[in-house]
Amino acid sequence: MSILGWILFGFVVGLIARAVMPGRDPLGLIGTTVLGILGALAAGWIGSALGLYEPNEGAGFVAATLGAVIVLAVYNMIASRRRISRSTTSSEDRRRAA
């Protein structure tokens, strides 16, 4: 698959993963594409580690979408922790300043 094919495939898979996952995701066009590509790569890596795919064979559409959903879930967990720590830090700073 060419680079343009990977980008298009990643974008479609990223859009589907964002539609399947509940909640609001502040990802733009590039973030959605990167999400889909990372999901496809993760699914291919896990699939070949489990013996589902040959070493040079990529993941299928469904596996790539599942991989993108997993990557999105991990991203949401990291982003929510970051938001919580920022809001806690800013409220502590306000109390100290008062």
PDB file of N, CA and C in Angstrom:
ATOM      1  N   MET A   1       0.857  -1.179   0.000  1.00  0.00           N
ATOM      2  CA  MET A   1       0.000   0.000   0.000  1.00  0.00           C
ATOM      3  C   MET A   1       0.896   1.232   0.000  1.00  0.00           C
ATOM      4  N   SER A   2       0.559   2.219  -0.780  1.00  0.00           N
ATOM      5  CA  SER A   2       1.355   3.433  -0.856  1.00  0.00           C
ATOM      6  C   SER A   2       1.126   4.301   0.387  1.00  0.00           C
ATOM      7  N   ILE A   3       1.935   5.320   0.506  1.00  0.00           N
ATOM      8  CA  ILE A   3       1.804   6.222   1.651  1.00  0.00           C
ATOM      9  C   ILE A   3       0.453   6.928   1.621  1.00  0.00           C
ATOM     10  N   LEU A   4       0.026   7.334   0.445  1.00  0.00           N
ATOM     11  CA  LEU A   4      -1.283   7.977   0.316  1.00  0.00           C
ATOM     12  C   LEU A   4      -2.411   7.013   0.706  1.00  0.00           C
ATOM     13  N   GLY A   5      -2.241   5.744   0.354  1.00  0.00           N
ATOM     14  CA  GLY A   5      -3.216   4.731   0.748  1.00  0.00           C
ATOM     15  C   GLY A   5      -3.273   4.552   2.254  1.00  0.00           C
ATOM     16  N   TRP A   6      -2.103   4.552   2.905  1.00  0.00           N
ATOM     17  CA  TRP A   6      -2.067   4.450   4.370  1.00  0.00           C
ATOM     18  C   TRP A   6      -2.751   5.646   5.016  1.00  0.00           C
ATOM     19  N   ILE A   7      -2.505   6.824   4.476  1.00  0.00           N
ATOM     20  CA  ILE A   7      -3.111   8.027   5.048  1.00  0.00           C
ATOM     21  C   ILE A   7      -4.633   7.979   4.909  1.00  0.00           C
ATOM     22  N   LEU A   8      -5.119   7.614   3.740  1.00  0.00           N
ATOM     23  CA  LEU A   8      -6.562   7.522   3.524  1.00  0.00           C
ATOM     24  C   LEU A   8      -7.175   6.425   4.396  1.00  0.00           C
ATOM     25  N   PHE A   9      -6.532   5.266   4.455  1.00  0.00           N
ATOM     26  CA  PHE A   9      -7.005   4.158   5.289  1.00  0.00           C
ATOM     27  C   PHE A   9      -7.026   4.575   6.763  1.00  0.00           C
ATOM     28  N   GLY A  10      -5.952   5.246   7.207  1.00  0.00           N
ATOM     29  CA  GLY A  10      -5.898   5.711   8.595  1.00  0.00           C
ATOM     30  C   GLY A  10      -6.980   6.714   8.915  1.00  0.00           C
ATOM     31  N   PHE A  11      -7.276   7.601   7.980  1.00  0.00           N
ATOM     32  CA  PHE A  11      -8.321   8.593   8.207  1.00  0.00           C
ATOM     33  C   PHE A  11      -9.688   7.940   8.353  1.00  0.00           C
ATOM     34  N   VAL A  12      -9.999   6.994   7.468  1.00  0.00           N
ATOM     35  CA  VAL A  12     -11.299   6.311   7.527  1.00  0.00           C
ATOM     36  C   VAL A  12     -11.421   5.504   8.815  1.00  0.00           C
ATOM     37  N   VAL A  13     -10.370   4.771   9.162  1.00  0.00           N
ATOM     38  CA  VAL A  13     -10.389   3.972  10.393  1.00  0.00           C
ATOM     39  C   VAL A  13     -10.485   4.886  11.618  1.00  0.00           C
ATOM     40  N   GLY A  14      -9.772   6.006  11.604  1.00  0.00           N
ATOM     41  CA  GLY A  14      -9.842   6.954  12.718  1.00  0.00           C
ATOM     42  C   GLY A  14     -11.226   7.562  12.873  1.00  0.00           C
ATOM     43  N   LEU A  15     -11.870   7.888  11.759  1.00  0.00           N
ATOM     44  CA  LEU A  15     -13.239   8.413  11.832  1.00  0.00           C
ATOM     45  C   LEU A  15     -14.202   7.397  12.438  1.00  0.00           C
ATOM     46  N   ILE A  16     -14.083   6.152  12.016  1.00  0.00           N
ATOM     47  CA  ILE A  16     -14.964   5.114  12.554  1.00  0.00           C
ATOM     48  C   ILE A  16     -14.698   4.892  14.037  1.00  0.00           C
ATOM     49  N   ALA A  17     -13.429   4.885  14.432  1.00  0.00           N
ATOM     50  CA  ALA A  17     -13.095   4.703  15.852  1.00  0.00           C
ATOM     51  C   ALA A  17     -13.651   5.842  16.693  1.00  0.00           C
ATOM     52  N   ARG A  18     -13.554   7.068  16.195  1.00  0.00           N
ATOM     53  CA  ARG A  18     -14.110   8.204  16.933  1.00  0.00           C
ATOM     54  C   ARG A  18     -15.633   8.132  17.007  1.00  0.00           C
ATOM     55  N   ALA A  19     -16.282   7.589  15.971  1.00  0.00           N
ATOM     56  CA  ALA A  19     -17.741   7.466  15.985  1.00  0.00           C
ATOM     57  C   ALA A  19     -18.193   6.380  16.956  1.00  0.00           C
ATOM     58  N   VAL A  20     -17.379   5.331  17.106  1.00  0.00           N
ATOM     59  CA  VAL A  20     -17.735   4.208  17.973  1.00  0.00           C
ATOM     60  C   VAL A  20     -17.517   4.551  19.444  1.00  0.00           C
ATOM     61  N   MET A  21     -16.438   5.278  19.745  1.00  0.00           N
ATOM     62  CA  MET A  21     -16.116   5.610  21.137  1.00  0.00           C
ATOM     63  C   MET A  21     -17.019   6.736  21.629  1.00  0.00           C
ATOM     64  N   PRO A  22     -17.609   6.578  22.812  1.00  0.00           N
ATOM     65  CA  PRO A  22     -18.436   7.656  23.350  1.00  0.00           C
ATOM     66  C   PRO A  22     -17.560   8.794  23.877  1.00  0.00           C
ATOM     67  N   GLY A  23     -18.133   9.961  23.941  1.00  0.00           N
ATOM     68  CA  GLY A  23     -17.418  11.105  24.483  1.00  0.00           C
ATOM     69  C   GLY A  23     -16.927  12.045  23.405  1.00  0.00           C
ATOM     70  N   ARG A  24     -16.415  13.170  23.859  1.00  0.00           N
ATOM     71  CA  ARG A  24     -15.930  14.208  22.945  1.00  0.00           C
ATOM     72  C   ARG A  24     -14.422  14.082  22.827  1.00  0.00           C
ATOM     73  N   ASP A  25     -13.944  14.059  21.596  1.00  0.00           N
ATOM     74  CA  ASP A  25     -12.514  13.965  21.348  1.00  0.00           C
ATOM     75  C   ASP A  25     -12.060  15.206  20.600  1.00  0.00           C
ATOM     76  N   PRO A  26     -11.094  15.939  21.157  1.00  0.00           N
ATOM     77  CA  PRO A  26     -10.661  17.175  20.498  1.00  0.00           C
ATOM     78  C   PRO A  26      -9.607  16.938  19.404  1.00  0.00           C
ATOM     79  N   LEU A  27      -9.731  15.832  18.674  1.00  0.00           N
ATOM     80  CA  LEU A  27      -8.773  15.537  17.607  1.00  0.00           C
ATOM     81  C   LEU A  27      -9.235  16.186  16.314  1.00  0.00           C
ATOM     82  N   GLY A  28      -8.287  16.726  15.585  1.00  0.00           N
ATOM     83  CA  GLY A  28      -8.589  17.308  14.290  1.00  0.00           C
ATOM     84  C   GLY A  28      -8.370  16.296  13.182  1.00  0.00           C
ATOM     85  N   LEU A  29      -8.205  16.802  11.985  1.00  0.00           N
ATOM     86  CA  LEU A  29      -8.009  15.967  10.813  1.00  0.00           C
ATOM     87  C   LEU A  29      -6.723  15.145  10.917  1.00  0.00           C
ATOM     88  N   ILE A  30      -5.644  15.785  11.284  1.00  0.00           N
ATOM     89  CA  ILE A  30      -4.365  15.082  11.394  1.00  0.00           C
ATOM     90  C   ILE A  30      -4.386  14.105  12.557  1.00  0.00           C
ATOM     91  N   GLY A  31      -4.953  14.494  13.680  1.00  0.00           N
ATOM     92  CA  GLY A  31      -5.044  13.599  14.835  1.00  0.00           C
ATOM     93  C   GLY A  31      -5.864  12.360  14.548  1.00  0.00           C
ATOM     94  N   THR A  32      -6.945  12.531  13.824  1.00  0.00           N
ATOM     95  CA  THR A  32      -7.783  11.398  13.448  1.00  0.00           C
ATOM     96  C   THR A  32      -7.030  10.446  12.528  1.00  0.00           C
ATOM     97  N   THR A  33      -6.279  11.008  11.582  1.00  0.00           N
ATOM     98  CA  THR A  33      -5.500  10.181  10.663  1.00  0.00           C
ATOM     99  C   THR A  33      -4.408   9.420  11.403  1.00  0.00           C
ATOM    100  N   VAL A  34      -3.697  10.108  12.289  1.00  0.00           N
ATOM    101  CA  VAL A  34      -2.644   9.456  13.073  1.00  0.00           C
ATOM    102  C   VAL A  34      -3.246   8.373  13.963  1.00  0.00           C
ATOM    103  N   LEU A  35      -4.410   8.634  14.541  1.00  0.00           N
ATOM    104  CA  LEU A  35      -5.096   7.637  15.350  1.00  0.00           C
ATOM    105  C   LEU A  35      -5.369   6.380  14.547  1.00  0.00           C
ATOM    106  N   GLY A  36      -5.880   6.522  13.351  1.00  0.00           N
ATOM    107  CA  GLY A  36      -6.177   5.366  12.508  1.00  0.00           C
ATOM    108  C   GLY A  36      -4.931   4.608  12.096  1.00  0.00           C
ATOM    109  N   ILE A  37      -3.878   5.324  11.738  1.00  0.00           N
ATOM    110  CA  ILE A  37      -2.634   4.665  11.339  1.00  0.00           C
ATOM    111  C   ILE A  37      -2.017   3.927  12.520  1.00  0.00           C
ATOM    112  N   LEU A  38      -1.984   4.555  13.693  1.00  0.00           N
ATOM    113  CA  LEU A  38      -1.453   3.880  14.886  1.00  0.00           C
ATOM    114  C   LEU A  38      -2.296   2.665  15.254  1.00  0.00           C
ATOM    115  N   GLY A  39      -3.603   2.771  15.101  1.00  0.00           N
ATOM    116  CA  GLY A  39      -4.476   1.628  15.378  1.00  0.00           C
ATOM    117  C   GLY A  39      -4.215   0.470  14.440  1.00  0.00           C
ATOM    118  N   ALA A  40      -4.002   0.774  13.164  1.00  0.00           N
ATOM    119  CA  ALA A  40      -3.706  -0.276  12.185  1.00  0.00           C
ATOM    120  C   ALA A  40      -2.351  -0.920  12.472  1.00  0.00           C
ATOM    121  N   LEU A  41      -1.367  -0.106  12.812  1.00  0.00           N
ATOM    122  CA  LEU A  41      -0.049  -0.652  13.143  1.00  0.00           C
ATOM    123  C   LEU A  41      -0.091  -1.503  14.405  1.00  0.00           C
ATOM    124  N   ALA A  42      -0.817  -1.024  15.419  1.00  0.00           N
ATOM    125  CA  ALA A  42      -0.929  -1.793  16.661  1.00  0.00           C
ATOM    126  C   ALA A  42      -1.660  -3.114  16.420  1.00  0.00           C
ATOM    127  N   ALA A  43      -2.717  -3.086  15.639  1.00  0.00           N
ATOM    128  CA  ALA A  43      -3.463  -4.313  15.344  1.00  0.00           C
ATOM    129  C   ALA A  43      -2.616  -5.288  14.546  1.00  0.00           C
ATOM    130  N   GLY A  44      -1.829  -4.783  13.602  1.00  0.00           N
ATOM    131  CA  GLY A  44      -0.945  -5.652  12.826  1.00  0.00           C
ATOM    132  C   GLY A  44       0.146  -6.261  13.686  1.00  0.00           C
ATOM    133  N   TRP A  45       0.704  -5.463  14.593  1.00  0.00           N
ATOM    134  CA  TRP A  45       1.756  -5.953  15.476  1.00  0.00           C
ATOM    135  C   TRP A  45       1.216  -7.015  16.441  1.00  0.00           C
ATOM    136  N   ILE A  46       0.078  -6.752  17.046  1.00  0.00           N
ATOM    137  CA  ILE A  46      -0.522  -7.713  17.978  1.00  0.00           C
ATOM    138  C   ILE A  46      -0.969  -8.963  17.234  1.00  0.00           C
ATOM    139  N   GLY A  47      -1.552  -8.793  16.060  1.00  0.00           N
ATOM    140  CA  GLY A  47      -1.995  -9.938  15.259  1.00  0.00           C
ATOM    141  C   GLY A  47      -0.847 -10.828  14.831  1.00  0.00           C
ATOM    142  N   SER A  48       0.283 -10.238  14.451  1.00  0.00           N
ATOM    143  CA  SER A  48       1.416 -11.071  14.066  1.00  0.00           C
ATOM    144  C   SER A  48       2.067 -11.707  15.284  1.00  0.00           C
ATOM    145  N   ALA A  49       2.024 -11.044  16.441  1.00  0.00           N
ATOM    146  CA  ALA A  49       2.552 -11.646  17.666  1.00  0.00           C
ATOM    147  C   ALA A  49       1.707 -12.849  18.098  1.00  0.00           C
ATOM    148  N   LEU A  50       0.403 -12.797  17.821  1.00  0.00           N
ATOM    149  CA  LEU A  50      -0.485 -13.909  18.154  1.00  0.00           C
ATOM    150  C   LEU A  50      -0.520 -14.982  17.066  1.00  0.00           C
ATOM    151  N   GLY A  51       0.145 -14.720  15.949  1.00  0.00           N
ATOM    152  CA  GLY A  51       0.176 -15.675  14.854  1.00  0.00           C
ATOM    153  C   GLY A  51      -1.009 -15.585  13.910  1.00  0.00           C
ATOM    154  N   LEU A  52      -1.764 -14.507  13.986  1.00  0.00           N
ATOM    155  CA  LEU A  52      -2.916 -14.324  13.110  1.00  0.00           C
ATOM    156  C   LEU A  52      -2.515 -13.824  11.733  1.00  0.00           C
ATOM    157  N   TYR A  53      -1.400 -13.096  11.652  1.00  0.00           N
ATOM    158  CA  TYR A  53      -0.926 -12.536  10.399  1.00  0.00           C
ATOM    159  C   TYR A  53       0.500 -13.009  10.135  1.00  0.00           C
ATOM    160  N   GLU A  54       0.854 -13.045   8.859  1.00  0.00           N
ATOM    161  CA  GLU A  54       2.231 -13.329   8.461  1.00  0.00           C
ATOM    162  C   GLU A  54       3.089 -12.111   8.809  1.00  0.00           C
ATOM    163  N   PRO A  55       4.416 -12.265   8.868  1.00  0.00           N
ATOM    164  CA  PRO A  55       5.263 -11.128   9.266  1.00  0.00           C
ATOM    165  C   PRO A  55       5.095  -9.864   8.435  1.00  0.00           C
ATOM    166  N   ASN A  56       4.896  -9.956   7.134  1.00  0.00           N
ATOM    167  CA  ASN A  56       4.750  -8.758   6.303  1.00  0.00           C
ATOM    168  C   ASN A  56       3.307  -8.461   5.929  1.00  0.00           C
ATOM    169  N   GLU A  57       2.355  -9.088   6.565  1.00  0.00           N
ATOM    170  CA  GLU A  57       0.944  -8.895   6.261  1.00  0.00           C
ATOM    171  C   GLU A  57       0.352  -7.870   7.222  1.00  0.00           C
ATOM    172  N   GLY A  58      -0.424  -6.929   6.696  1.00  0.00           N
ATOM    173  CA  GLY A  58      -1.053  -5.914   7.524  1.00  0.00           C
ATOM    174  C   GLY A  58      -2.369  -6.389   8.110  1.00  0.00           C
ATOM    175  N   ALA A  59      -2.856  -5.631   9.062  1.00  0.00           N
ATOM    176  CA  ALA A  59      -4.135  -5.952   9.693  1.00  0.00           C
ATOM    177  C   ALA A  59      -5.280  -5.629   8.750  1.00  0.00           C
ATOM    178  N   GLY A  60      -6.387  -6.302   8.926  1.00  0.00           N
ATOM    179  CA  GLY A  60      -7.573  -6.028   8.133  1.00  0.00           C
ATOM    180  C   GLY A  60      -8.303  -4.810   8.640  1.00  0.00           C
ATOM    181  N   PHE A  61      -9.380  -4.459   7.965  1.00  0.00           N
ATOM    182  CA  PHE A  61     -10.126  -3.249   8.294  1.00  0.00           C
ATOM    183  C   PHE A  61     -10.727  -3.317   9.694  1.00  0.00           C
ATOM    184  N   VAL A  62     -11.333  -4.443  10.036  1.00  0.00           N
ATOM    185  CA  VAL A  62     -11.975  -4.578  11.353  1.00  0.00           C
ATOM    186  C   VAL A  62     -10.932  -4.553  12.461  1.00  0.00           C
ATOM    187  N   ALA A  63      -9.827  -5.274  12.263  1.00  0.00           N
ATOM    188  CA  ALA A  63      -8.768  -5.296  13.273  1.00  0.00           C
ATOM    189  C   ALA A  63      -8.148  -3.911  13.429  1.00  0.00           C
ATOM    190  N   ALA A  64      -7.975  -3.185  12.341  1.00  0.00           N
ATOM    191  CA  ALA A  64      -7.418  -1.836  12.408  1.00  0.00           C
ATOM    192  C   ALA A  64      -8.364  -0.904  13.160  1.00  0.00           C
ATOM    193  N   THR A  65      -9.650  -1.067  12.948  1.00  0.00           N
ATOM    194  CA  THR A  65     -10.630  -0.243  13.659  1.00  0.00           C
ATOM    195  C   THR A  65     -10.608  -0.557  15.151  1.00  0.00           C
ATOM    196  N   LEU A  66     -10.539  -1.836  15.503  1.00  0.00           N
ATOM    197  CA  LEU A  66     -10.437  -2.207  16.920  1.00  0.00           C
ATOM    198  C   LEU A  66      -9.149  -1.664  17.533  1.00  0.00           C
ATOM    199  N   GLY A  67      -8.061  -1.733  16.781  1.00  0.00           N
ATOM    200  CA  GLY A  67      -6.805  -1.166  17.262  1.00  0.00           C
ATOM    201  C   GLY A  67      -6.902   0.326  17.480  1.00  0.00           C
ATOM    202  N   ALA A  68      -7.583   1.029  16.582  1.00  0.00           N
ATOM    203  CA  ALA A  68      -7.762   2.471  16.725  1.00  0.00           C
ATOM    204  C   ALA A  68      -8.652   2.811  17.919  1.00  0.00           C
ATOM    205  N   VAL A  69      -9.653   1.993  18.189  1.00  0.00           N
ATOM    206  CA  VAL A  69     -10.499   2.213  19.364  1.00  0.00           C
ATOM    207  C   VAL A  69      -9.672   2.045  20.636  1.00  0.00           C
ATOM    208  N   ILE A  70      -8.791   1.060  20.667  1.00  0.00           N
ATOM    209  CA  ILE A  70      -7.928   0.849  21.834  1.00  0.00           C
ATOM    210  C   ILE A  70      -6.965   2.026  22.002  1.00  0.00           C
ATOM    211  N   VAL A  71      -6.367   2.475  20.900  1.00  0.00           N
ATOM    212  CA  VAL A  71      -5.461   3.627  20.964  1.00  0.00           C
ATOM    213  C   VAL A  71      -6.212   4.865  21.444  1.00  0.00           C
ATOM    214  N   LEU A  72      -7.440   5.062  20.974  1.00  0.00           N
ATOM    215  CA  LEU A  72      -8.247   6.199  21.400  1.00  0.00           C
ATOM    216  C   LEU A  72      -8.606   6.103  22.879  1.00  0.00           C
ATOM    217  N   ALA A  73      -8.899   4.921  23.371  1.00  0.00           N
ATOM    218  CA  ALA A  73      -9.204   4.744  24.795  1.00  0.00           C
ATOM    219  C   ALA A  73      -7.985   5.092  25.650  1.00  0.00           C
ATOM    220  N   VAL A  74      -6.810   4.648  25.231  1.00  0.00           N
ATOM    221  CA  VAL A  74      -5.580   4.978  25.968  1.00  0.00           C
ATOM    222  C   VAL A  74      -5.337   6.490  25.925  1.00  0.00           C
ATOM    223  N   TYR A  75      -5.542   7.099  24.766  1.00  0.00           N
ATOM    224  CA  TYR A  75      -5.386   8.549  24.640  1.00  0.00           C
ATOM    225  C   TYR A  75      -6.345   9.284  25.579  1.00  0.00           C
ATOM    226  N   ASN A  76      -7.606   8.842  25.637  1.00  0.00           N
ATOM    227  CA  ASN A  76      -8.586   9.500  26.517  1.00  0.00           C
ATOM    228  C   ASN A  76      -8.210   9.352  27.980  1.00  0.00           C
ATOM    229  N   MET A  77      -7.670   8.194  28.373  1.00  0.00           N
ATOM    230  CA  MET A  77      -7.240   8.015  29.763  1.00  0.00           C
ATOM    231  C   MET A  77      -6.095   8.965  30.108  1.00  0.00           C
ATOM    232  N   ILE A  78      -5.133   9.087  29.211  1.00  0.00           N
ATOM    233  CA  ILE A  78      -3.995   9.974  29.458  1.00  0.00           C
ATOM    234  C   ILE A  78      -4.446  11.431  29.476  1.00  0.00           C
ATOM    235  N   ALA A  79      -5.295  11.808  28.549  1.00  0.00           N
ATOM    236  CA  ALA A  79      -5.776  13.185  28.469  1.00  0.00           C
ATOM    237  C   ALA A  79      -6.629  13.545  29.682  1.00  0.00           C
ATOM    238  N   SER A  80      -7.435  12.609  30.182  1.00  0.00           N
ATOM    239  CA  SER A  80      -8.272  12.919  31.348  1.00  0.00           C
ATOM    240  C   SER A  80      -7.416  13.075  32.596  1.00  0.00           C
ATOM    241  N   ARG A  81      -6.365  12.285  32.736  1.00  0.00           N
ATOM    242  CA  ARG A  81      -5.460  12.453  33.875  1.00  0.00           C
ATOM    243  C   ARG A  81      -4.762  13.795  33.814  1.00  0.00           C
ATOM    244  N   ARG A  82      -4.393  14.204  32.609  1.00  0.00           N
ATOM    245  CA  ARG A  82      -3.714  15.483  32.443  1.00  0.00           C
ATOM    246  C   ARG A  82      -4.650  16.624  32.798  1.00  0.00           C
ATOM    247  N   ARG A  83      -5.930  16.518  32.383  1.00  0.00           N
ATOM    248  CA  ARG A  83      -6.910  17.556  32.707  1.00  0.00           C
ATOM    249  C   ARG A  83      -7.164  17.625  34.204  1.00  0.00           C
ATOM    250  N   ILE A  84      -7.228  16.467  34.861  1.00  0.00           N
ATOM    251  CA  ILE A  84      -7.469  16.437  36.301  1.00  0.00           C
ATOM    252  C   ILE A  84      -6.300  17.063  37.048  1.00  0.00           C
ATOM    253  N   SER A  85      -5.081  16.722  36.657  1.00  0.00           N
ATOM    254  CA  SER A  85      -3.919  17.276  37.350  1.00  0.00           C
ATOM    255  C   SER A  85      -3.795  18.777  37.122  1.00  0.00           C
ATOM    256  N   ARG A  86      -4.156  19.267  35.935  1.00  0.00           N
ATOM    257  CA  ARG A  86      -4.108  20.704  35.676  1.00  0.00           C
ATOM    258  C   ARG A  86      -5.137  21.450  36.514  1.00  0.00           C
ATOM    259  N   SER A  87      -6.362  20.917  36.604  1.00  0.00           N
ATOM    260  CA  SER A  87      -7.393  21.607  37.372  1.00  0.00           C
ATOM    261  C   SER A  87      -7.071  21.572  38.859  1.00  0.00           C
ATOM    262  N   THR A  88      -6.482  20.497  39.367  1.00  0.00           N
ATOM    263  CA  THR A  88      -6.087  20.410  40.769  1.00  0.00           C
ATOM    264  C   THR A  88      -4.963  21.381  41.052  1.00  0.00           C
ATOM    265  N   THR A  89      -3.997  21.445  40.169  1.00  0.00           N
ATOM    266  CA  THR A  89      -2.868  22.343  40.357  1.00  0.00           C
ATOM    267  C   THR A  89      -3.318  23.789  40.323  1.00  0.00           C
ATOM    268  N   SER A  90      -4.172  24.160  39.416  1.00  0.00           N
ATOM    269  CA  SER A  90      -4.597  25.545  39.323  1.00  0.00           C
ATOM    270  C   SER A  90      -5.440  25.951  40.523  1.00  0.00           C
ATOM    271  N   SER A  91      -6.262  25.060  41.065  1.00  0.00           N
ATOM    272  CA  SER A  91      -7.048  25.423  42.256  1.00  0.00           C
ATOM    273  C   SER A  91      -6.172  25.519  43.482  1.00  0.00           C
ATOM    274  N   GLU A  92      -5.131  24.685  43.572  1.00  0.00           N
ATOM    275  CA  GLU A  92      -4.186  24.788  44.691  1.00  0.00           C
ATOM    276  C   GLU A  92      -3.406  26.089  44.602  1.00  0.00           C
ATOM    277  N   ASP A  93      -3.024  26.488  43.400  1.00  0.00           N
ATOM    278  CA  ASP A  93      -2.297  27.739  43.229  1.00  0.00           C
ATOM    279  C   ASP A  93      -3.165  28.930  43.632  1.00  0.00           C
ATOM    280  N   ARG A  94      -4.468  28.855  43.304  1.00  0.00           N
ATOM    281  CA  ARG A  94      -5.357  29.937  43.677  1.00  0.00           C
ATOM    282  C   ARG A  94      -5.505  30.041  45.188  1.00  0.00           C
ATOM    283  N   ARG A  95      -5.570  28.893  45.878  1.00  0.00           N
ATOM    284  CA  ARG A  95      -5.688  28.922  47.338  1.00  0.00           C
ATOM    285  C   ARG A  95      -4.430  29.501  47.964  1.00  0.00           C
ATOM    286  N   ARG A  96      -3.276  29.144  47.448  1.00  0.00           N
ATOM    287  CA  ARG A  96      -2.022  29.661  47.997  1.00  0.00           C
ATOM    288  C   ARG A  96      -1.905  31.162  47.773  1.00  0.00           C
ATOM    289  N   ALA A  97      -2.384  31.632  46.648  1.00  0.00           N
ATOM    290  CA  ALA A  97      -2.273  33.059  46.325  1.00  0.00           C
ATOM    291  C   ALA A  97      -3.223  33.891  47.185  1.00  0.00           C
ATOM    292  N   ALA A  98      -4.302  33.295  47.670  1.00  0.00           N
ATOM    293  CA  ALA A  98      -5.298  34.060  48.432  1.00  0.00           C
ATOM    294  C   ALA A  98      -4.914  34.299  49.847  1.00  0.00           C
TER     295      ALA A  98
END
